[in-house]
Amino acid sequence: MLSSSQRKYLKGLAHHLNPSVRVGKKGVEDSLIESVNSQLKAHELIKVKFVNWKEQKDSLSDHIAAETQSENIGQVGNVAIFYRANPDPEKRKILIP
């Protein structure tokens, strides 16, 4: 679990990022979870944009976080921010204070 100050720090880092995954007509399927996993492995901090399913974005964000073992940092509009540290400490790109 991350503290509120750590979440705030990660939100600041995510500010300039563009959404790397989009939730479209098909919703949250295995292919979307795989895409989120690969993006988290490569970048650690990503944004997911809800193009469709906007009414269910809160529950879907929690589902994505649970399926990918990541942290749902927060939401801004229809964009959710996810973070998962690289399991190898030497390969981590983001050092959280």
PDB file of N, CA and C in Angstrom:
ATOM      1  N   MET A   1       0.837  -1.189   0.000  1.00  0.00           N
ATOM      2  CA  MET A   1       0.000   0.000   0.000  1.00  0.00           C
ATOM      3  C   MET A   1       0.881   1.251   0.000  1.00  0.00           C
ATOM      4  N   LEU A   2       0.449   2.210  -0.751  1.00  0.00           N
ATOM      5  CA  LEU A   2       1.169   3.472  -0.855  1.00  0.00           C
ATOM      6  C   LEU A   2       0.510   4.528   0.022  1.00  0.00           C
ATOM      7  N   SER A   3       1.336   5.413   0.574  1.00  0.00           N
ATOM      8  CA  SER A   3       0.797   6.503   1.380  1.00  0.00           C
ATOM      9  C   SER A   3       0.240   7.581   0.454  1.00  0.00           C
ATOM     10  N   SER A   4      -0.487   8.525   1.024  1.00  0.00           N
ATOM     11  CA  SER A   4      -1.080   9.597   0.217  1.00  0.00           C
ATOM     12  C   SER A   4       0.002  10.468  -0.419  1.00  0.00           C
ATOM     13  N   SER A   5       1.112  10.681   0.272  1.00  0.00           N
ATOM     14  CA  SER A   5       2.182  11.497  -0.315  1.00  0.00           C
ATOM     15  C   SER A   5       2.864  10.757  -1.469  1.00  0.00           C
ATOM     16  N   GLN A   6       2.971   9.429  -1.368  1.00  0.00           N
ATOM     17  CA  GLN A   6       3.544   8.657  -2.462  1.00  0.00           C
ATOM     18  C   GLN A   6       2.616   8.650  -3.672  1.00  0.00           C
ATOM     19  N   ARG A   7       1.299   8.563  -3.417  1.00  0.00           N
ATOM     20  CA  ARG A   7       0.331   8.627  -4.513  1.00  0.00           C
ATOM     21  C   ARG A   7       0.398   9.990  -5.213  1.00  0.00           C
ATOM     22  N   LYS A   8       0.526  11.035  -4.425  1.00  0.00           N
ATOM     23  CA  LYS A   8       0.624  12.388  -4.977  1.00  0.00           C
ATOM     24  C   LYS A   8       1.876  12.515  -5.840  1.00  0.00           C
ATOM     25  N   TYR A   9       2.978  11.948  -5.386  1.00  0.00           N
ATOM     26  CA  TYR A   9       4.222  11.973  -6.145  1.00  0.00           C
ATOM     27  C   TYR A   9       4.048  11.257  -7.482  1.00  0.00           C
ATOM     28  N   LEU A  10       3.418  10.066  -7.459  1.00  0.00           N
ATOM     29  CA  LEU A  10       3.207   9.305  -8.688  1.00  0.00           C
ATOM     30  C   LEU A  10       2.244  10.012  -9.642  1.00  0.00           C
ATOM     31  N   LYS A  11       1.220  10.664  -9.090  1.00  0.00           N
ATOM     32  CA  LYS A  11       0.305  11.438  -9.948  1.00  0.00           C
ATOM     33  C   LYS A  11       1.059  12.556 -10.658  1.00  0.00           C
ATOM     34  N   GLY A  12       1.995  13.173  -9.963  1.00  0.00           N
ATOM     35  CA  GLY A  12       2.811  14.217 -10.578  1.00  0.00           C
ATOM     36  C   GLY A  12       3.664  13.675 -11.705  1.00  0.00           C
ATOM     37  N   LEU A  13       4.224  12.480 -11.516  1.00  0.00           N
ATOM     38  CA  LEU A  13       5.017  11.863 -12.572  1.00  0.00           C
ATOM     39  C   LEU A  13       4.147  11.471 -13.763  1.00  0.00           C
ATOM     40  N   ALA A  14       2.919  11.082 -13.499  1.00  0.00           N
ATOM     41  CA  ALA A  14       2.021  10.620 -14.564  1.00  0.00           C
ATOM     42  C   ALA A  14       1.401  11.771 -15.343  1.00  0.00           C
ATOM     43  N   HIS A  15       1.506  12.968 -14.840  1.00  0.00           N
ATOM     44  CA  HIS A  15       0.835  14.114 -15.461  1.00  0.00           C
ATOM     45  C   HIS A  15       1.168  14.261 -16.949  1.00  0.00           C
ATOM     46  N   HIS A  16       2.419  14.098 -17.303  1.00  0.00           N
ATOM     47  CA  HIS A  16       2.838  14.314 -18.695  1.00  0.00           C
ATOM     48  C   HIS A  16       2.643  13.086 -19.588  1.00  0.00           C
ATOM     49  N   LEU A  17       2.274  11.945 -19.010  1.00  0.00           N
ATOM     50  CA  LEU A  17       2.117  10.717 -19.795  1.00  0.00           C
ATOM     51  C   LEU A  17       0.832  10.727 -20.617  1.00  0.00           C
ATOM     52  N   ASN A  18       0.886  10.097 -21.767  1.00  0.00           N
ATOM     53  CA  ASN A  18      -0.306   9.865 -22.573  1.00  0.00           C
ATOM     54  C   ASN A  18      -0.852   8.487 -22.230  1.00  0.00           C
ATOM     55  N   PRO A  19      -2.147   8.273 -22.342  1.00  0.00           N
ATOM     56  CA  PRO A  19      -2.702   6.942 -22.077  1.00  0.00           C
ATOM     57  C   PRO A  19      -2.098   5.903 -23.023  1.00  0.00           C
ATOM     58  N   SER A  20      -1.615   4.799 -22.459  1.00  0.00           N
ATOM     59  CA  SER A  20      -0.985   3.763 -23.276  1.00  0.00           C
ATOM     60  C   SER A  20      -1.947   2.622 -23.581  1.00  0.00           C
ATOM     61  N   VAL A  21      -3.055   2.546 -22.861  1.00  0.00           N
ATOM     62  CA  VAL A  21      -4.066   1.507 -23.086  1.00  0.00           C
ATOM     63  C   VAL A  21      -5.425   2.190 -23.097  1.00  0.00           C
ATOM     64  N   ARG A  22      -6.297   1.727 -23.983  1.00  0.00           N
ATOM     65  CA  ARG A  22      -7.652   2.287 -24.075  1.00  0.00           C
ATOM     66  C   ARG A  22      -8.673   1.178 -23.894  1.00  0.00           C
ATOM     67  N   VAL A  23      -9.683   1.452 -23.064  1.00  0.00           N
ATOM     68  CA  VAL A  23     -10.787   0.518 -22.867  1.00  0.00           C
ATOM     69  C   VAL A  23     -11.883   0.928 -23.850  1.00  0.00           C
ATOM     70  N   GLY A  24     -12.131   0.070 -24.842  1.00  0.00           N
ATOM     71  CA  GLY A  24     -13.091   0.385 -25.891  1.00  0.00           C
ATOM     72  C   GLY A  24     -14.367  -0.409 -25.767  1.00  0.00           C
ATOM     73  N   LYS A  25     -14.954  -0.740 -26.922  1.00  0.00           N
ATOM     74  CA  LYS A  25     -16.250  -1.415 -26.976  1.00  0.00           C
ATOM     75  C   LYS A  25     -16.262  -2.762 -26.280  1.00  0.00           C
ATOM     76  N   LYS A  26     -15.156  -3.495 -26.358  1.00  0.00           N
ATOM     77  CA  LYS A  26     -15.116  -4.852 -25.810  1.00  0.00           C
ATOM     78  C   LYS A  26     -14.964  -4.870 -24.290  1.00  0.00           C
ATOM     79  N   GLY A  27     -14.619  -3.764 -23.697  1.00  0.00           N
ATOM     80  CA  GLY A  27     -14.472  -3.703 -22.245  1.00  0.00           C
ATOM     81  C   GLY A  27     -13.162  -4.300 -21.778  1.00  0.00           C
ATOM     82  N   VAL A  28     -13.179  -4.837 -20.564  1.00  0.00           N
ATOM     83  CA  VAL A  28     -11.974  -5.414 -19.969  1.00  0.00           C
ATOM     84  C   VAL A  28     -11.973  -6.912 -20.266  1.00  0.00           C
ATOM     85  N   GLU A  29     -11.144  -7.289 -21.220  1.00  0.00           N
ATOM     86  CA  GLU A  29     -10.989  -8.685 -21.601  1.00  0.00           C
ATOM     87  C   GLU A  29      -9.570  -9.125 -21.283  1.00  0.00           C
ATOM     88  N   ASP A  30      -9.290 -10.406 -21.520  1.00  0.00           N
ATOM     89  CA  ASP A  30      -7.951 -10.929 -21.261  1.00  0.00           C
ATOM     90  C   ASP A  30      -6.891 -10.184 -22.063  1.00  0.00           C
ATOM     91  N   SER A  31      -7.215  -9.820 -23.291  1.00  0.00           N
ATOM     92  CA  SER A  31      -6.239  -9.115 -24.123  1.00  0.00           C
ATOM     93  C   SER A  31      -5.902  -7.739 -23.540  1.00  0.00           C
ATOM     94  N   LEU A  32      -6.883  -7.064 -22.963  1.00  0.00           N
ATOM     95  CA  LEU A  32      -6.633  -5.769 -22.344  1.00  0.00           C
ATOM     96  C   LEU A  32      -5.771  -5.939 -21.093  1.00  0.00           C
ATOM     97  N   ILE A  33      -6.052  -6.957 -20.295  1.00  0.00           N
ATOM     98  CA  ILE A  33      -5.248  -7.231 -19.093  1.00  0.00           C
ATOM     99  C   ILE A  33      -3.803  -7.536 -19.487  1.00  0.00           C
ATOM    100  N   GLU A  34      -3.613  -8.323 -20.549  1.00  0.00           N
ATOM    101  CA  GLU A  34      -2.268  -8.628 -21.027  1.00  0.00           C
ATOM    102  C   GLU A  34      -1.548  -7.360 -21.476  1.00  0.00           C
ATOM    103  N   SER A  35      -2.268  -6.488 -22.149  1.00  0.00           N
ATOM    104  CA  SER A  35      -1.688  -5.230 -22.606  1.00  0.00           C
ATOM    105  C   SER A  35      -1.275  -4.355 -21.420  1.00  0.00           C
ATOM    106  N   VAL A  36      -2.137  -4.273 -20.414  1.00  0.00           N
ATOM    107  CA  VAL A  36      -1.809  -3.493 -19.210  1.00  0.00           C
ATOM    108  C   VAL A  36      -0.592  -4.099 -18.515  1.00  0.00           C
ATOM    109  N   ASN A  37      -0.554  -5.431 -18.409  1.00  0.00           N
ATOM    110  CA  ASN A  37       0.599  -6.095 -17.791  1.00  0.00           C
ATOM    111  C   ASN A  37       1.896  -5.785 -18.515  1.00  0.00           C
ATOM    112  N   SER A  38       1.883  -5.856 -19.848  1.00  0.00           N
ATOM    113  CA  SER A  38       3.107  -5.592 -20.604  1.00  0.00           C
ATOM    114  C   SER A  38       3.536  -4.133 -20.479  1.00  0.00           C
ATOM    115  N   GLN A  39       2.571  -3.212 -20.469  1.00  0.00           N
ATOM    116  CA  GLN A  39       2.903  -1.795 -20.301  1.00  0.00           C
ATOM    117  C   GLN A  39       3.465  -1.514 -18.908  1.00  0.00           C
ATOM    118  N   LEU A  40       2.881  -2.142 -17.885  1.00  0.00           N
ATOM    119  CA  LEU A  40       3.394  -1.965 -16.519  1.00  0.00           C
ATOM    120  C   LEU A  40       4.792  -2.538 -16.382  1.00  0.00           C
ATOM    121  N   LYS A  41       5.040  -3.663 -17.032  1.00  0.00           N
ATOM    122  CA  LYS A  41       6.370  -4.273 -16.976  1.00  0.00           C
ATOM    123  C   LYS A  41       7.406  -3.365 -17.629  1.00  0.00           C
ATOM    124  N   ALA A  42       7.018  -2.722 -18.712  1.00  0.00           N
ATOM    125  CA  ALA A  42       7.948  -1.859 -19.437  1.00  0.00           C
ATOM    126  C   ALA A  42       8.121  -0.486 -18.789  1.00  0.00           C
ATOM    127  N   HIS A  43       7.030   0.077 -18.240  1.00  0.00           N
ATOM    128  CA  HIS A  43       7.069   1.471 -17.793  1.00  0.00           C
ATOM    129  C   HIS A  43       6.805   1.703 -16.308  1.00  0.00           C
ATOM    130  N   GLU A  44       6.223   0.748 -15.613  1.00  0.00           N
ATOM    131  CA  GLU A  44       5.865   0.831 -14.189  1.00  0.00           C
ATOM    132  C   GLU A  44       4.698   1.769 -13.889  1.00  0.00           C
ATOM    133  N   LEU A  45       4.582   2.870 -14.591  1.00  0.00           N
ATOM    134  CA  LEU A  45       3.520   3.849 -14.362  1.00  0.00           C
ATOM    135  C   LEU A  45       2.832   4.125 -15.693  1.00  0.00           C
ATOM    136  N   ILE A  46       1.518   3.844 -15.760  1.00  0.00           N
ATOM    137  CA  ILE A  46       0.793   4.023 -17.027  1.00  0.00           C
ATOM    138  C   ILE A  46      -0.562   4.667 -16.780  1.00  0.00           C
ATOM    139  N   LYS A  47      -1.137   5.144 -17.867  1.00  0.00           N
ATOM    140  CA  LYS A  47      -2.505   5.659 -17.842  1.00  0.00           C
ATOM    141  C   LYS A  47      -3.369   4.766 -18.731  1.00  0.00           C
ATOM    142  N   VAL A  48      -4.606   4.548 -18.288  1.00  0.00           N
ATOM    143  CA  VAL A  48      -5.590   3.786 -19.058  1.00  0.00           C
ATOM    144  C   VAL A  48      -6.792   4.697 -19.288  1.00  0.00           C
ATOM    145  N   LYS A  49      -7.149   4.896 -20.551  1.00  0.00           N
ATOM    146  CA  LYS A  49      -8.270   5.767 -20.893  1.00  0.00           C
ATOM    147  C   LYS A  49      -9.523   4.939 -21.147  1.00  0.00           C
ATOM    148  N   PHE A  50     -10.621   5.372 -20.563  1.00  0.00           N
ATOM    149  CA  PHE A  50     -11.916   4.723 -20.768  1.00  0.00           C
ATOM    150  C   PHE A  50     -12.651   5.467 -21.875  1.00  0.00           C
ATOM    151  N   VAL A  51     -12.589   4.907 -23.089  1.00  0.00           N
ATOM    152  CA  VAL A  51     -13.285   5.494 -24.230  1.00  0.00           C
ATOM    153  C   VAL A  51     -14.762   5.137 -24.137  1.00  0.00           C
ATOM    154  N   ASN A  52     -15.035   3.892 -23.834  1.00  0.00           N
ATOM    155  CA  ASN A  52     -16.391   3.393 -23.560  1.00  0.00           C
ATOM    156  C   ASN A  52     -16.396   2.912 -22.111  1.00  0.00           C
ATOM    157  N   TRP A  53     -17.538   2.471 -21.632  1.00  0.00           N
ATOM    158  CA  TRP A  53     -17.676   1.949 -20.263  1.00  0.00           C
ATOM    159  C   TRP A  53     -17.366   3.020 -19.220  1.00  0.00           C
ATOM    160  N   LYS A  54     -17.637   4.266 -19.524  1.00  0.00           N
ATOM    161  CA  LYS A  54     -17.297   5.364 -18.616  1.00  0.00           C
ATOM    162  C   LYS A  54     -18.080   5.304 -17.312  1.00  0.00           C
ATOM    163  N   GLU A  55     -19.289   4.783 -17.358  1.00  0.00           N
ATOM    164  CA  GLU A  55     -20.105   4.708 -16.140  1.00  0.00           C
ATOM    165  C   GLU A  55     -19.538   3.697 -15.147  1.00  0.00           C
ATOM    166  N   GLN A  56     -18.863   2.668 -15.640  1.00  0.00           N
ATOM    167  CA  GLN A  56     -18.317   1.620 -14.786  1.00  0.00           C
ATOM    168  C   GLN A  56     -16.813   1.776 -14.555  1.00  0.00           C
ATOM    169  N   LYS A  57     -16.261   2.935 -14.826  1.00  0.00           N
ATOM    170  CA  LYS A  57     -14.805   3.089 -14.761  1.00  0.00           C
ATOM    171  C   LYS A  57     -14.234   2.823 -13.363  1.00  0.00           C
ATOM    172  N   ASP A  58     -14.978   3.150 -12.309  1.00  0.00           N
ATOM    173  CA  ASP A  58     -14.463   2.904 -10.957  1.00  0.00           C
ATOM    174  C   ASP A  58     -14.307   1.415 -10.686  1.00  0.00           C
ATOM    175  N   SER A  59     -15.340   0.639 -10.957  1.00  0.00           N
ATOM    176  CA  SER A  59     -15.271  -0.801 -10.707  1.00  0.00           C
ATOM    177  C   SER A  59     -14.303  -1.483 -11.671  1.00  0.00           C
ATOM    178  N   LEU A  60     -14.266  -1.027 -12.925  1.00  0.00           N
ATOM    179  CA  LEU A  60     -13.336  -1.617 -13.886  1.00  0.00           C
ATOM    180  C   LEU A  60     -11.891  -1.310 -13.525  1.00  0.00           C
ATOM    181  N   SER A  61     -11.625  -0.118 -12.994  1.00  0.00           N
ATOM    182  CA  SER A  61     -10.265   0.227 -12.560  1.00  0.00           C
ATOM    183  C   SER A  61      -9.819  -0.674 -11.422  1.00  0.00           C
ATOM    184  N   ASP A  62     -10.715  -0.926 -10.475  1.00  0.00           N
ATOM    185  CA  ASP A  62     -10.388  -1.834  -9.376  1.00  0.00           C
ATOM    186  C   ASP A  62     -10.138  -3.245  -9.890  1.00  0.00           C
ATOM    187  N   HIS A  63     -10.934  -3.672 -10.885  1.00  0.00           N
ATOM    188  CA  HIS A  63     -10.758  -5.001 -11.476  1.00  0.00           C
ATOM    189  C   HIS A  63      -9.411  -5.104 -12.196  1.00  0.00           C
ATOM    190  N   ILE A  64      -9.048  -4.081 -12.955  1.00  0.00           N
ATOM    191  CA  ILE A  64      -7.762  -4.077 -13.665  1.00  0.00           C
ATOM    192  C   ILE A  64      -6.617  -4.140 -12.657  1.00  0.00           C
ATOM    193  N   ALA A  65      -6.699  -3.354 -11.590  1.00  0.00           N
ATOM    194  CA  ALA A  65      -5.649  -3.347 -10.569  1.00  0.00           C
ATOM    195  C   ALA A  65      -5.514  -4.714  -9.911  1.00  0.00           C
ATOM    196  N   ALA A  66      -6.634  -5.357  -9.623  1.00  0.00           N
ATOM    197  CA  ALA A  66      -6.588  -6.676  -8.987  1.00  0.00           C
ATOM    198  C   ALA A  66      -5.993  -7.722  -9.932  1.00  0.00           C
ATOM    199  N   GLU A  67      -6.389  -7.675 -11.194  1.00  0.00           N
ATOM    200  CA  GLU A  67      -5.913  -8.666 -12.170  1.00  0.00           C
ATOM    201  C   GLU A  67      -4.431  -8.496 -12.484  1.00  0.00           C
ATOM    202  N   THR A  68      -3.916  -7.287 -12.412  1.00  0.00           N
ATOM    203  CA  THR A  68      -2.515  -7.027 -12.766  1.00  0.00           C
ATOM    204  C   THR A  68      -1.609  -6.876 -11.543  1.00  0.00           C
ATOM    205  N   GLN A  69      -2.157  -7.041 -10.345  1.00  0.00           N
ATOM    206  CA  GLN A  69      -1.414  -6.841  -9.093  1.00  0.00           C
ATOM    207  C   GLN A  69      -0.722  -5.479  -9.083  1.00  0.00           C
ATOM    208  N   SER A  70      -1.462  -4.449  -9.484  1.00  0.00           N
ATOM    209  CA  SER A  70      -0.926  -3.092  -9.507  1.00  0.00           C
ATOM    210  C   SER A  70      -1.730  -2.219  -8.554  1.00  0.00           C
ATOM    211  N   GLU A  71      -1.270  -0.997  -8.387  1.00  0.00           N
ATOM    212  CA  GLU A  71      -1.949  -0.018  -7.542  1.00  0.00           C
ATOM    213  C   GLU A  71      -2.726   0.937  -8.432  1.00  0.00           C
ATOM    214  N   ASN A  72      -3.989   1.148  -8.109  1.00  0.00           N
ATOM    215  CA  ASN A  72      -4.784   2.167  -8.789  1.00  0.00           C
ATOM    216  C   ASN A  72      -4.483   3.477  -8.077  1.00  0.00           C
ATOM    217  N   ILE A  73      -3.662   4.301  -8.697  1.00  0.00           N
ATOM    218  CA  ILE A  73      -3.194   5.537  -8.072  1.00  0.00           C
ATOM    219  C   ILE A  73      -4.303   6.572  -7.987  1.00  0.00           C
ATOM    220  N   GLY A  74      -5.129   6.633  -9.004  1.00  0.00           N
ATOM    221  CA  GLY A  74      -6.221   7.598  -9.001  1.00  0.00           C
ATOM    222  C   GLY A  74      -6.805   7.750 -10.388  1.00  0.00           C
ATOM    223  N   GLN A  75      -7.809   8.601 -10.464  1.00  0.00           N
ATOM    224  CA  GLN A  75      -8.469   8.860 -11.729  1.00  0.00           C
ATOM    225  C   GLN A  75      -8.621  10.358 -11.933  1.00  0.00           C
ATOM    226  N   VAL A  76      -8.439  10.758 -13.175  1.00  0.00           N
ATOM    227  CA  VAL A  76      -8.675  12.131 -13.575  1.00  0.00           C
ATOM    228  C   VAL A  76      -9.588  12.047 -14.791  1.00  0.00           C
ATOM    229  N   GLY A  77     -10.840  12.421 -14.602  1.00  0.00           N
ATOM    230  CA  GLY A  77     -11.806  12.304 -15.692  1.00  0.00           C
ATOM    231  C   GLY A  77     -12.019  10.855 -16.065  1.00  0.00           C
ATOM    232  N   ASN A  78     -11.782  10.518 -17.322  1.00  0.00           N
ATOM    233  CA  ASN A  78     -11.952   9.153 -17.809  1.00  0.00           C
ATOM    234  C   ASN A  78     -10.624   8.426 -17.965  1.00  0.00           C
ATOM    235  N   VAL A  79      -9.619   8.858 -17.217  1.00  0.00           N
ATOM    236  CA  VAL A  79      -8.292   8.262 -17.285  1.00  0.00           C
ATOM    237  C   VAL A  79      -7.889   7.777 -15.888  1.00  0.00           C
ATOM    238  N   ALA A  80      -7.481   6.507 -15.819  1.00  0.00           N
ATOM    239  CA  ALA A  80      -7.014   5.924 -14.558  1.00  0.00           C
ATOM    240  C   ALA A  80      -5.498   5.764 -14.616  1.00  0.00           C
ATOM    241  N   ILE A  81      -4.851   5.910 -13.472  1.00  0.00           N
ATOM    242  CA  ILE A  81      -3.392   5.804 -13.375  1.00  0.00           C
ATOM    243  C   ILE A  81      -3.060   4.551 -12.561  1.00  0.00           C
ATOM    244  N   PHE A  82      -2.171   3.720 -13.112  1.00  0.00           N
ATOM    245  CA  PHE A  82      -1.769   2.481 -12.452  1.00  0.00           C
ATOM    246  C   PHE A  82      -0.258   2.452 -12.276  1.00  0.00           C
ATOM    247  N   TYR A  83       0.168   1.833 -11.143  1.00  0.00           N
ATOM    248  CA  TYR A  83       1.590   1.711 -10.845  1.00  0.00           C
ATOM    249  C   TYR A  83       1.878   0.304 -10.339  1.00  0.00           C
ATOM    250  N   ARG A  84       2.967  -0.258 -10.839  1.00  0.00           N
ATOM    251  CA  ARG A  84       3.478  -1.527 -10.312  1.00  0.00           C
ATOM    252  C   ARG A  84       4.991  -1.481 -10.434  1.00  0.00           C
ATOM    253  N   ALA A  85       5.662  -1.606  -9.295  1.00  0.00           N
ATOM    254  CA  ALA A  85       7.124  -1.563  -9.289  1.00  0.00           C
ATOM    255  C   ALA A  85       7.674  -2.821  -9.949  1.00  0.00           C
ATOM    256  N   ASN A  86       8.799  -2.666 -10.621  1.00  0.00           N
ATOM    257  CA  ASN A  86       9.479  -3.806 -11.219  1.00  0.00           C
ATOM    258  C   ASN A  86       9.956  -4.717 -10.087  1.00  0.00           C
ATOM    259  N   PRO A  87       9.743  -6.034 -10.207  1.00  0.00           N
ATOM    260  CA  PRO A  87      10.158  -6.930  -9.119  1.00  0.00           C
ATOM    261  C   PRO A  87      11.669  -6.939  -8.882  1.00  0.00           C
ATOM    262  N   ASP A  88      12.445  -6.599  -9.898  1.00  0.00           N
ATOM    263  CA  ASP A  88      13.900  -6.534  -9.762  1.00  0.00           C
ATOM    264  C   ASP A  88      14.296  -5.119  -9.343  1.00  0.00           C
ATOM    265  N   PRO A  89      14.784  -4.939  -8.114  1.00  0.00           N
ATOM    266  CA  PRO A  89      15.116  -3.589  -7.636  1.00  0.00           C
ATOM    267  C   PRO A  89      16.124  -2.848  -8.522  1.00  0.00           C
ATOM    268  N   GLU A  90      17.009  -3.562  -9.208  1.00  0.00           N
ATOM    269  CA  GLU A  90      18.005  -2.914 -10.053  1.00  0.00           C
ATOM    270  C   GLU A  90      17.412  -2.367 -11.350  1.00  0.00           C
ATOM    271  N   LYS A  91      16.258  -2.893 -11.762  1.00  0.00           N
ATOM    272  CA  LYS A  91      15.630  -2.463 -13.018  1.00  0.00           C
ATOM    273  C   LYS A  91      14.513  -1.439 -12.809  1.00  0.00           C
ATOM    274  N   ARG A  92      14.292  -1.026 -11.585  1.00  0.00           N
ATOM    275  CA  ARG A  92      13.224  -0.052 -11.311  1.00  0.00           C
ATOM    276  C   ARG A  92      13.585   1.306 -11.890  1.00  0.00           C
ATOM    277  N   LYS A  93      12.603   1.900 -12.570  1.00  0.00           N
ATOM    278  CA  LYS A  93      12.790   3.206 -13.182  1.00  0.00           C
ATOM    279  C   LYS A  93      12.319   4.324 -12.271  1.00  0.00           C
ATOM    280  N   ILE A  94      11.352   4.003 -11.398  1.00  0.00           N
ATOM    281  CA  ILE A  94      10.764   5.008 -10.518  1.00  0.00           C
ATOM    282  C   ILE A  94      11.140   4.686  -9.081  1.00  0.00           C
ATOM    283  N   LEU A  95      11.779   5.642  -8.434  1.00  0.00           N
ATOM    284  CA  LEU A  95      12.135   5.507  -7.030  1.00  0.00           C
ATOM    285  C   LEU A  95      11.174   6.368  -6.223  1.00  0.00           C
ATOM    286  N   ILE A  96      10.352   5.728  -5.423  1.00  0.00           N
ATOM    287  CA  ILE A  96       9.346   6.442  -4.641  1.00  0.00           C
ATOM    288  C   ILE A  96       9.963   6.892  -3.320  1.00  0.00           C
ATOM    289  N   PRO A  97       9.798   8.180  -2.996  1.00  0.00           N
ATOM    290  CA  PRO A  97      10.360   8.673  -1.726  1.00  0.00           C
ATOM    291  C   PRO A  97       9.634   8.107  -0.523  1.00  0.00           C
TER     292      PRO A  97
END
